[in-house]
Amino acid sequence: MTNTHPYTLEILPPKAEGASYQWAIRKSGKLVQRSDRTLTSEAKAHENGMAQIEKLLSGAGDR
């Protein structure tokens, strides 16, 4: 498992049947980033969210 400290990934299930999964990245409990794509499965949401955390950890997500 990848060390994502200080970030945590939260997978949010669809709010309605047929809707998409979402993810949220938190740092010390505070929302840092939320998904903006339609993700059709929990696995795809996890994969996409982890890719974003990797960018944040590498400094590519710095603004």
C-alpha atoms as a PDB file:
ATOM      1  CA  MET A   1       0.000   0.000   0.000  1.00  0.00           C
ATOM      2  CA  THR A   2       1.211   3.474  -0.877  1.00  0.00           C
ATOM      3  CA  ASN A   3       1.937   5.910   1.934  1.00  0.00           C
ATOM      4  CA  THR A   4      -0.365   8.858   1.282  1.00  0.00           C
ATOM      5  CA  HIS A   5       0.373  10.807   4.479  1.00  0.00           C
ATOM      6  CA  PRO A   6      -0.771  13.558   5.073  1.00  0.00           C
ATOM      7  CA  TYR A   7      -3.596  12.909   2.596  1.00  0.00           C
ATOM      8  CA  THR A   8      -6.547  10.537   2.904  1.00  0.00           C
ATOM      9  CA  LEU A   9      -8.829   9.371   0.116  1.00  0.00           C
ATOM     10  CA  GLU A  10     -12.553   9.111   0.707  1.00  0.00           C
ATOM     11  CA  ILE A  11     -14.698   7.276  -1.861  1.00  0.00           C
ATOM     12  CA  LEU A  12     -18.246   8.619  -2.032  1.00  0.00           C
ATOM     13  CA  PRO A  13     -20.938   6.243  -3.317  1.00  0.00           C
ATOM     14  CA  PRO A  14     -23.520   7.396  -5.860  1.00  0.00           C
ATOM     15  CA  LYS A  15     -26.329   9.465  -4.382  1.00  0.00           C
ATOM     16  CA  ALA A  16     -28.856   7.838  -6.705  1.00  0.00           C
ATOM     17  CA  GLU A  17     -29.044   4.595  -8.654  1.00  0.00           C
ATOM     18  CA  GLY A  18     -27.167   4.959 -11.935  1.00  0.00           C
ATOM     19  CA  ALA A  19     -25.224   7.999 -10.701  1.00  0.00           C
ATOM     20  CA  SER A  20     -21.436   8.136 -10.587  1.00  0.00           C
ATOM     21  CA  TYR A  21     -18.924   7.574  -7.802  1.00  0.00           C
ATOM     22  CA  GLN A  22     -16.944  10.523  -6.487  1.00  0.00           C
ATOM     23  CA  TRP A  23     -13.816  10.878  -4.375  1.00  0.00           C
ATOM     24  CA  ALA A  24     -12.557  13.479  -1.946  1.00  0.00           C
ATOM     25  CA  ILE A  25      -8.964  14.069  -0.832  1.00  0.00           C
ATOM     26  CA  ARG A  26      -8.503  15.374   2.687  1.00  0.00           C
ATOM     27  CA  LYS A  27      -5.451  16.687   4.501  1.00  0.00           C
ATOM     28  CA  SER A  28      -5.776  16.566   8.289  1.00  0.00           C
ATOM     29  CA  GLY A  29      -9.538  16.171   7.789  1.00  0.00           C
ATOM     30  CA  LYS A  30      -9.863  19.295   5.639  1.00  0.00           C
ATOM     31  CA  LEU A  31     -11.118  18.943   2.054  1.00  0.00           C
ATOM     32  CA  VAL A  32      -8.295  19.583  -0.414  1.00  0.00           C
ATOM     33  CA  GLN A  33      -9.720  18.326  -3.694  1.00  0.00           C
ATOM     34  CA  ARG A  34     -12.874  16.653  -5.028  1.00  0.00           C
ATOM     35  CA  SER A  35     -13.365  14.613  -8.180  1.00  0.00           C
ATOM     36  CA  ASP A  36     -14.744  16.349 -11.231  1.00  0.00           C
ATOM     37  CA  ARG A  37     -15.179  13.282 -13.446  1.00  0.00           C
ATOM     38  CA  THR A  38     -17.919  10.727 -13.882  1.00  0.00           C
ATOM     39  CA  LEU A  39     -16.526   7.534 -12.359  1.00  0.00           C
ATOM     40  CA  THR A  40     -18.569   4.423 -13.071  1.00  0.00           C
ATOM     41  CA  SER A  41     -17.220   2.183 -10.303  1.00  0.00           C
ATOM     42  CA  GLU A  42     -15.722   2.320  -6.831  1.00  0.00           C
ATOM     43  CA  ALA A  43     -12.492   0.839  -8.233  1.00  0.00           C
ATOM     44  CA  LYS A  44     -12.209   3.557 -10.900  1.00  0.00           C
ATOM     45  CA  ALA A  45     -12.893   6.246  -8.285  1.00  0.00           C
ATOM     46  CA  HIS A  46     -10.157   4.799  -6.058  1.00  0.00           C
ATOM     47  CA  GLU A  47      -7.675   4.563  -8.950  1.00  0.00           C
ATOM     48  CA  ASN A  48      -8.371   8.132 -10.086  1.00  0.00           C
ATOM     49  CA  GLY A  49      -8.220   9.521  -6.546  1.00  0.00           C
ATOM     50  CA  MET A  50      -4.915   7.770  -5.814  1.00  0.00           C
ATOM     51  CA  ALA A  51      -3.443   9.205  -9.016  1.00  0.00           C
ATOM     52  CA  GLN A  52      -4.389  12.685  -7.790  1.00  0.00           C
ATOM     53  CA  ILE A  53      -2.804  12.045  -4.387  1.00  0.00           C
ATOM     54  CA  GLU A  54       0.393  10.910  -6.123  1.00  0.00           C
ATOM     55  CA  LYS A  55       0.431  14.211  -8.036  1.00  0.00           C
ATOM     56  CA  LEU A  56      -0.054  16.143  -4.785  1.00  0.00           C
ATOM     57  CA  LEU A  57       2.761  14.188  -3.082  1.00  0.00           C
ATOM     58  CA  SER A  58       5.132  14.794  -6.011  1.00  0.00           C
ATOM     59  CA  GLY A  59       4.410  18.519  -5.961  1.00  0.00           C
ATOM     60  CA  ALA A  60       2.656  18.480  -9.339  1.00  0.00           C
ATOM     61  CA  GLY A  61      -0.601  19.525  -7.668  1.00  0.00           C
ATOM     62  CA  ASP A  62       0.868  22.662  -6.109  1.00  0.00           C
ATOM     63  CA  ARG A  63      -0.700  25.872  -7.273  1.00  0.00           C
END
